PDB file of N, CA and C in Angstrom:
ATOM      1  N   UNK A   1      43.403  92.250  26.268  1.00  0.00           N
ATOM      2  CA  UNK A   1      43.045  91.635  27.517  1.00  0.00           C
ATOM      3  C   UNK A   1      44.164  90.699  27.981  1.00  0.00           C
ATOM      4  N   UNK A   2      44.781  89.977  27.055  1.00  0.00           N
ATOM      5  CA  UNK A   2      45.886  89.088  27.435  1.00  0.00           C
ATOM      6  C   UNK A   2      47.051  89.878  28.028  1.00  0.00           C
ATOM      7  N   UNK A   3      47.312  91.059  27.477  1.00  0.00           N
ATOM      8  CA  UNK A   3      48.456  91.848  27.935  1.00  0.00           C
ATOM      9  C   UNK A   3      48.179  92.603  29.229  1.00  0.00           C
ATOM     10  N   UNK A   4      46.924  93.035  29.458  1.00  0.00           N
ATOM     11  CA  UNK A   4      46.653  93.930  30.578  1.00  0.00           C
ATOM     12  C   UNK A   4      45.565  93.456  31.531  1.00  0.00           C
ATOM     13  N   UNK A   5      44.887  92.361  31.240  1.00  0.00           N
ATOM     14  CA  UNK A   5      43.739  91.964  32.041  1.00  0.00           C
ATOM     15  C   UNK A   5      43.944  90.774  32.938  1.00  0.00           C
ATOM     16  N   UNK A   6      45.179  90.494  33.323  1.00  0.00           N
ATOM     17  CA  UNK A   6      45.434  89.281  34.102  1.00  0.00           C
ATOM     18  C   UNK A   6      45.034  89.393  35.571  1.00  0.00           C
ATOM     19  N   UNK A   7      44.634  90.577  36.037  1.00  0.00           N
ATOM     20  CA  UNK A   7      44.328  90.757  37.455  1.00  0.00           C
ATOM     21  C   UNK A   7      42.894  90.501  37.837  1.00  0.00           C
ATOM     22  N   UNK A   8      42.066  90.021  36.920  1.00  0.00           N
ATOM     23  CA  UNK A   8      40.670  89.759  37.245  1.00  0.00           C
ATOM     24  C   UNK A   8      39.814  89.712  36.002  1.00  0.00           C
ATOM     25  N   UNK A   9      38.506  89.687  36.206  1.00  0.00           N
ATOM     26  CA  UNK A   9      37.581  89.535  35.081  1.00  0.00           C
ATOM     27  C   UNK A   9      37.163  90.851  34.436  1.00  0.00           C
ATOM     28  N   UNK A  10      37.552  91.990  35.014  1.00  0.00           N
ATOM     29  CA  UNK A  10      37.248  93.265  34.370  1.00  0.00           C
ATOM     30  C   UNK A  10      38.185  93.452  33.175  1.00  0.00           C
ATOM     31  N   UNK A  11      37.906  94.421  32.323  1.00  0.00           N
ATOM     32  CA  UNK A  11      38.634  94.539  31.052  1.00  0.00           C
ATOM     33  C   UNK A  11      40.149  94.591  31.216  1.00  0.00           C
ATOM     34  N   UNK A  12      40.626  95.362  32.207  1.00  0.00           N
ATOM     35  CA  UNK A  12      42.069  95.478  32.434  1.00  0.00           C
ATOM     36  C   UNK A  12      42.466  94.918  33.795  1.00  0.00           C
ATOM     37  N   UNK A  13      41.694  93.972  34.288  1.00  0.00           N
ATOM     38  CA  UNK A  13      41.976  93.363  35.583  1.00  0.00           C
ATOM     39  C   UNK A  13      41.273  94.109  36.699  1.00  0.00           C
ATOM     40  N   UNK A  14      41.802  95.273  37.069  1.00  0.00           N
ATOM     41  CA  UNK A  14      41.170  96.136  38.073  1.00  0.00           C
ATOM     42  C   UNK A  14      40.190  97.080  37.377  1.00  0.00           C
ATOM     43  N   UNK A  15      39.248  97.641  38.130  1.00  0.00           N
ATOM     44  CA  UNK A  15      38.251  98.556  37.571  1.00  0.00           C
ATOM     45  C   UNK A  15      38.927  99.779  36.966  1.00  0.00           C
ATOM     46  N   UNK A  16      38.505 100.138  35.741  1.00  0.00           N
ATOM     47  CA  UNK A  16      38.991 101.346  35.068  1.00  0.00           C
ATOM     48  C   UNK A  16      37.812 102.052  34.407  1.00  0.00           C
ATOM     49  N   UNK A  17      38.080 103.202  33.834  1.00  0.00           N
ATOM     50  CA  UNK A  17      37.055 103.956  33.116  1.00  0.00           C
ATOM     51  C   UNK A  17      36.508 103.138  31.945  1.00  0.00           C
ATOM     52  N   UNK A  18      37.310 102.236  31.399  1.00  0.00           N
ATOM     53  CA  UNK A  18      36.837 101.382  30.300  1.00  0.00           C
ATOM     54  C   UNK A  18      35.654 100.532  30.759  1.00  0.00           C
ATOM     55  N   UNK A  19      35.701 100.039  31.992  1.00  0.00           N
ATOM     56  CA  UNK A  19      34.590  99.245  32.526  1.00  0.00           C
ATOM     57  C   UNK A  19      33.349 100.115  32.707  1.00  0.00           C
ATOM     58  N   UNK A  20      33.547 101.349  33.168  1.00  0.00           N
ATOM     59  CA  UNK A  20      32.422 102.270  33.340  1.00  0.00           C
ATOM     60  C   UNK A  20      31.765 102.575  31.994  1.00  0.00           C
ATOM     61  N   UNK A  21      32.568 102.759  30.964  1.00  0.00           N
ATOM     62  CA  UNK A  21      32.033 103.052  29.634  1.00  0.00           C
ATOM     63  C   UNK A  21      31.328 101.836  29.036  1.00  0.00           C
ATOM     64  N   UNK A  22      31.783 100.641  29.386  1.00  0.00           N
ATOM     65  CA  UNK A  22      31.247  99.403  28.830  1.00  0.00           C
ATOM     66  C   UNK A  22      30.015  98.904  29.584  1.00  0.00           C
ATOM     67  N   UNK A  23      29.785  99.404  30.796  1.00  0.00           N
ATOM     68  CA  UNK A  23      28.682  98.924  31.638  1.00  0.00           C
ATOM     69  C   UNK A  23      27.315  98.999  30.952  1.00  0.00           C
ATOM     70  N   UNK A  24      26.955 100.095  30.269  1.00  0.00           N
ATOM     71  CA  UNK A  24      25.653 100.119  29.586  1.00  0.00           C
ATOM     72  C   UNK A  24      25.541  99.073  28.473  1.00  0.00           C
ATOM     73  N   UNK A  25      26.651  98.756  27.832  1.00  0.00           N
ATOM     74  CA  UNK A  25      26.647  97.725  26.789  1.00  0.00           C
ATOM     75  C   UNK A  25      26.358  96.366  27.419  1.00  0.00           C
ATOM     76  N   UNK A  26      26.983  96.087  28.558  1.00  0.00           N
ATOM     77  CA  UNK A  26      26.732  94.836  29.277  1.00  0.00           C
ATOM     78  C   UNK A  26      25.256  94.744  29.654  1.00  0.00           C
ATOM     79  N   UNK A  27      24.700  95.848  30.119  1.00  0.00           N
ATOM     80  CA  UNK A  27      23.280  95.871  30.476  1.00  0.00           C
ATOM     81  C   UNK A  27      22.408  95.503  29.280  1.00  0.00           C
ATOM     82  N   UNK A  28      22.733  96.031  28.130  1.00  0.00           N
ATOM     83  CA  UNK A  28      21.956  95.714  26.920  1.00  0.00           C
ATOM     84  C   UNK A  28      22.148  94.258  26.500  1.00  0.00           C
ATOM     85  N   UNK A  29      23.371  93.761  26.627  1.00  0.00           N
ATOM     86  CA  UNK A  29      23.597  92.345  26.326  1.00  0.00           C
ATOM     87  C   UNK A  29      22.679  91.468  27.165  1.00  0.00           C
ATOM     88  N   UNK A  30      22.555  91.779  28.449  1.00  0.00           N
ATOM     89  CA  UNK A  30      21.715  90.983  29.341  1.00  0.00           C
ATOM     90  C   UNK A  30      20.232  91.162  28.992  1.00  0.00           C
ATOM     91  N   UNK A  31      19.819  92.392  28.734  1.00  0.00           N
ATOM     92  CA  UNK A  31      18.420  92.676  28.395  1.00  0.00           C
ATOM     93  C   UNK A  31      17.998  91.931  27.139  1.00  0.00           C
ATOM     94  N   UNK A  32      18.875  91.905  26.132  1.00  0.00           N
ATOM     95  CA  UNK A  32      18.531  91.296  24.854  1.00  0.00           C
ATOM     96  C   UNK A  32      18.938  89.828  24.755  1.00  0.00           C
ATOM     97  N   UNK A  33      19.503  89.263  25.815  1.00  0.00           N
ATOM     98  CA  UNK A  33      19.852  87.846  25.822  1.00  0.00           C
ATOM     99  C   UNK A  33      20.967  87.466  24.867  1.00  0.00           C
ATOM    100  N   UNK A  34      21.931  88.363  24.676  1.00  0.00           N
ATOM    101  CA  UNK A  34      23.052  88.076  23.783  1.00  0.00           C
ATOM    102  C   UNK A  34      23.902  86.952  24.387  1.00  0.00           C
ATOM    103  N   UNK A  35      24.209  85.948  23.574  1.00  0.00           N
ATOM    104  CA  UNK A  35      25.048  84.835  24.019  1.00  0.00           C
ATOM    105  C   UNK A  35      26.514  85.274  23.964  1.00  0.00           C
ATOM    106  N   UNK A  36      27.206  85.173  25.085  1.00  0.00           N
ATOM    107  CA  UNK A  36      28.601  85.591  25.169  1.00  0.00           C
ATOM    108  C   UNK A  36      29.497  84.376  25.386  1.00  0.00           C
ATOM    109  N   UNK A  37      30.723  84.456  24.886  1.00  0.00           N
ATOM    110  CA  UNK A  37      31.664  83.372  25.169  1.00  0.00           C
ATOM    111  C   UNK A  37      32.076  83.438  26.642  1.00  0.00           C
ATOM    112  N   UNK A  38      32.861  82.484  27.104  1.00  0.00           N
ATOM    113  CA  UNK A  38      33.165  82.385  28.534  1.00  0.00           C
ATOM    114  C   UNK A  38      33.937  83.586  29.070  1.00  0.00           C
ATOM    115  N   UNK A  39      34.870  84.118  28.309  1.00  0.00           N
ATOM    116  CA  UNK A  39      35.641  85.278  28.764  1.00  0.00           C
ATOM    117  C   UNK A  39      34.745  86.506  28.848  1.00  0.00           C
ATOM    118  N   UNK A  40      33.951  86.744  27.810  1.00  0.00           N
ATOM    119  CA  UNK A  40      33.048  87.898  27.806  1.00  0.00           C
ATOM    120  C   UNK A  40      31.970  87.759  28.875  1.00  0.00           C
ATOM    121  N   UNK A  41      31.501  86.547  29.083  1.00  0.00           N
ATOM    122  CA  UNK A  41      30.491  86.302  30.103  1.00  0.00           C
ATOM    123  C   UNK A  41      31.047  86.588  31.492  1.00  0.00           C
ATOM    124  N   UNK A  42      32.274  86.172  31.759  1.00  0.00           N
ATOM    125  CA  UNK A  42      32.908  86.449  33.053  1.00  0.00           C
ATOM    126  C   UNK A  42      33.068  87.946  33.253  1.00  0.00           C
ATOM    127  N   UNK A  43      33.437  88.652  32.183  1.00  0.00           N
ATOM    128  CA  UNK A  43      33.562  90.102  32.263  1.00  0.00           C
ATOM    129  C   UNK A  43      32.213  90.748  32.539  1.00  0.00           C
ATOM    130  N   UNK A  44      31.176  90.320  31.841  1.00  0.00           N
ATOM    131  CA  UNK A  44      29.838  90.877  32.039  1.00  0.00           C
ATOM    132  C   UNK A  44      29.366  90.638  33.469  1.00  0.00           C
ATOM    133  N   UNK A  45      29.588  89.445  33.988  1.00  0.00           N
ATOM    134  CA  UNK A  45      29.182  89.135  35.362  1.00  0.00           C
ATOM    135  C   UNK A  45      29.937  89.998  36.366  1.00  0.00           C
ATOM    136  N   UNK A  46      31.229  90.240  36.111  1.00  0.00           N
ATOM    137  CA  UNK A  46      32.021  91.090  37.001  1.00  0.00           C
ATOM    138  C   UNK A  46      31.497  92.521  36.990  1.00  0.00           C
ATOM    139  N   UNK A  47      31.139  93.025  35.818  1.00  0.00           N
ATOM    140  CA  UNK A  47      30.590  94.377  35.727  1.00  0.00           C
ATOM    141  C   UNK A  47      29.236  94.450  36.421  1.00  0.00           C
ATOM    142  N   UNK A  48      28.381  93.464  36.191  1.00  0.00           N
ATOM    143  CA  UNK A  48      27.061  93.462  36.824  1.00  0.00           C
ATOM    144  C   UNK A  48      27.148  93.341  38.339  1.00  0.00           C
ATOM    145  N   UNK A  49      28.213  92.765  38.862  1.00  0.00           N
ATOM    146  CA  UNK A  49      28.382  92.599  40.306  1.00  0.00           C
ATOM    147  C   UNK A  49      28.921  93.850  40.999  1.00  0.00           C
ATOM    148  N   UNK A  50      29.371  94.834  40.226  1.00  0.00           N
ATOM    149  CA  UNK A  50      29.886  96.059  40.840  1.00  0.00           C
ATOM    150  C   UNK A  50      28.785  96.754  41.637  1.00  0.00           C
ATOM    151  N   UNK A  51      29.105  97.290  42.823  1.00  0.00           N
ATOM    152  CA  UNK A  51      28.087  97.973  43.630  1.00  0.00           C
ATOM    153  C   UNK A  51      27.354  99.084  42.873  1.00  0.00           C
ATOM    154  N   UNK A  52      28.071  99.842  42.067  1.00  0.00           N
ATOM    155  CA  UNK A  52      27.426 100.915  41.301  1.00  0.00           C
ATOM    156  C   UNK A  52      26.427 100.353  40.298  1.00  0.00           C
ATOM    157  N   UNK A  53      26.758  99.222  39.677  1.00  0.00           N
ATOM    158  CA  UNK A  53      25.823  98.591  38.735  1.00  0.00           C
ATOM    159  C   UNK A  53      24.608  98.057  39.471  1.00  0.00           C
ATOM    160  N   UNK A  54      24.814  97.453  40.633  1.00  0.00           N
ATOM    161  CA  UNK A  54      23.698  96.942  41.416  1.00  0.00           C
ATOM    162  C   UNK A  54      22.753  98.079  41.806  1.00  0.00           C
ATOM    163  N   UNK A  55      23.328  99.221  42.168  1.00  0.00           N
ATOM    164  CA  UNK A  55      22.516 100.396  42.509  1.00  0.00           C
ATOM    165  C   UNK A  55      21.752 100.899  41.285  1.00  0.00           C
ATOM    166  N   UNK A  56      22.409 100.946  40.140  1.00  0.00           N
ATOM    167  CA  UNK A  56      21.789 101.428  38.907  1.00  0.00           C
ATOM    168  C   UNK A  56      20.646 100.505  38.489  1.00  0.00           C
ATOM    169  N   UNK A  57      20.863  99.195  38.574  1.00  0.00           N
ATOM    170  CA  UNK A  57      19.830  98.222  38.214  1.00  0.00           C
ATOM    171  C   UNK A  57      18.638  98.342  39.151  1.00  0.00           C
ATOM    172  N   UNK A  58      18.906  98.476  40.452  1.00  0.00           N
ATOM    173  CA  UNK A  58      17.816  98.622  41.430  1.00  0.00           C
ATOM    174  C   UNK A  58      17.016  99.893  41.161  1.00  0.00           C
ATOM    175  N   UNK A  59      17.705 100.983  40.829  1.00  0.00           N
ATOM    176  CA  UNK A  59      17.012 102.234  40.522  1.00  0.00           C
ATOM    177  C   UNK A  59      16.155 102.089  39.266  1.00  0.00           C
ATOM    178  N   UNK A  60      16.665 101.387  38.267  1.00  0.00           N
ATOM    179  CA  UNK A  60      15.894 101.177  37.035  1.00  0.00           C
ATOM    180  C   UNK A  60      14.645 100.359  37.310  1.00  0.00           C
ATOM    181  N   UNK A  61      14.780  99.335  38.145  1.00  0.00           N
ATOM    182  CA  UNK A  61      13.629  98.487  38.464  1.00  0.00           C
ATOM    183  C   UNK A  61      12.569  99.225  39.269  1.00  0.00           C
ATOM    184  N   UNK A  62      12.979 100.230  40.031  1.00  0.00           N
ATOM    185  CA  UNK A  62      12.010 100.970  40.843  1.00  0.00           C
ATOM    186  C   UNK A  62      11.416 102.170  40.105  1.00  0.00           C
ATOM    187  N   UNK A  63      11.855 102.410  38.888  1.00  0.00           N
ATOM    188  CA  UNK A  63      11.339 103.523  38.083  1.00  0.00           C
ATOM    189  C   UNK A  63       9.853 103.330  37.825  1.00  0.00           C
ATOM    190  N   UNK A  64       9.079 104.388  38.013  1.00  0.00           N
ATOM    191  CA  UNK A  64       7.627 104.283  37.834  1.00  0.00           C
ATOM    192  C   UNK A  64       7.136 104.838  36.501  1.00  0.00           C
ATOM    193  N   UNK A  65       7.914 105.687  35.860  1.00  0.00           N
ATOM    194  CA  UNK A  65       7.474 106.240  34.576  1.00  0.00           C
ATOM    195  C   UNK A  65       7.612 105.180  33.491  1.00  0.00           C
ATOM    196  N   UNK A  66       6.638 105.097  32.616  1.00  0.00           N
ATOM    197  CA  UNK A  66       6.676 104.131  31.523  1.00  0.00           C
ATOM    198  C   UNK A  66       6.296 104.810  30.217  1.00  0.00           C
ATOM    199  N   UNK A  67       6.636 104.164  29.136  1.00  0.00           N
ATOM    200  CA  UNK A  67       6.228 104.598  27.806  1.00  0.00           C
ATOM    201  C   UNK A  67       5.218 103.565  27.334  1.00  0.00           C
ATOM    202  N   UNK A  68       4.000 103.969  27.117  1.00  0.00           N
ATOM    203  CA  UNK A  68       2.913 103.041  26.802  1.00  0.00           C
ATOM    204  C   UNK A  68       3.205 102.151  25.599  1.00  0.00           C
ATOM    205  N   UNK A  69       3.859 102.673  24.590  1.00  0.00           N
ATOM    206  CA  UNK A  69       4.084 101.888  23.378  1.00  0.00           C
ATOM    207  C   UNK A  69       5.245 100.906  23.521  1.00  0.00           C
ATOM    208  N   UNK A  70       5.984 100.986  24.614  1.00  0.00           N
ATOM    209  CA  UNK A  70       7.113 100.083  24.827  1.00  0.00           C
ATOM    210  C   UNK A  70       6.596  98.781  25.412  1.00  0.00           C
ATOM    211  N   UNK A  71       6.876  97.666  24.759  1.00  0.00           N
ATOM    212  CA  UNK A  71       6.264  96.401  25.174  1.00  0.00           C
ATOM    213  C   UNK A  71       7.235  95.421  25.815  1.00  0.00           C
ATOM    214  N   UNK A  72       8.502  95.805  26.026  1.00  0.00           N
ATOM    215  CA  UNK A  72       9.473  94.878  26.587  1.00  0.00           C
ATOM    216  C   UNK A  72      10.220  95.536  27.748  1.00  0.00           C
ATOM    217  N   UNK A  73       9.553  95.782  28.876  1.00  0.00           N
ATOM    218  CA  UNK A  73      10.224  96.468  29.988  1.00  0.00           C
ATOM    219  C   UNK A  73      11.255  95.580  30.679  1.00  0.00           C
ATOM    220  N   UNK A  74      12.174  96.222  31.367  1.00  0.00           N
ATOM    221  CA  UNK A  74      13.154  95.497  32.172  1.00  0.00           C
ATOM    222  C   UNK A  74      12.422  94.880  33.352  1.00  0.00           C
ATOM    223  N   UNK A  75      12.682  93.625  33.634  1.00  0.00           N
ATOM    224  CA  UNK A  75      12.037  92.950  34.763  1.00  0.00           C
ATOM    225  C   UNK A  75      12.968  92.879  35.939  1.00  0.00           C
TER     226      UNK A  75
END
């Protein structure tokens, strides 16, 4: 990140496939309340702010199918 990420809060500064691959991990970090350091937190916030992530989160929240035995749904 020090060598290639000086252009912003995403992994390599600008959006790359690495951010797309990491987006589901960021989602899980937020769902499970993982405490992140300041650099990782800034990266997670940048990924969550991407329009595609906002669309994905909105679609997940509007999902109507549920699994009865699952007791911790996304809010």
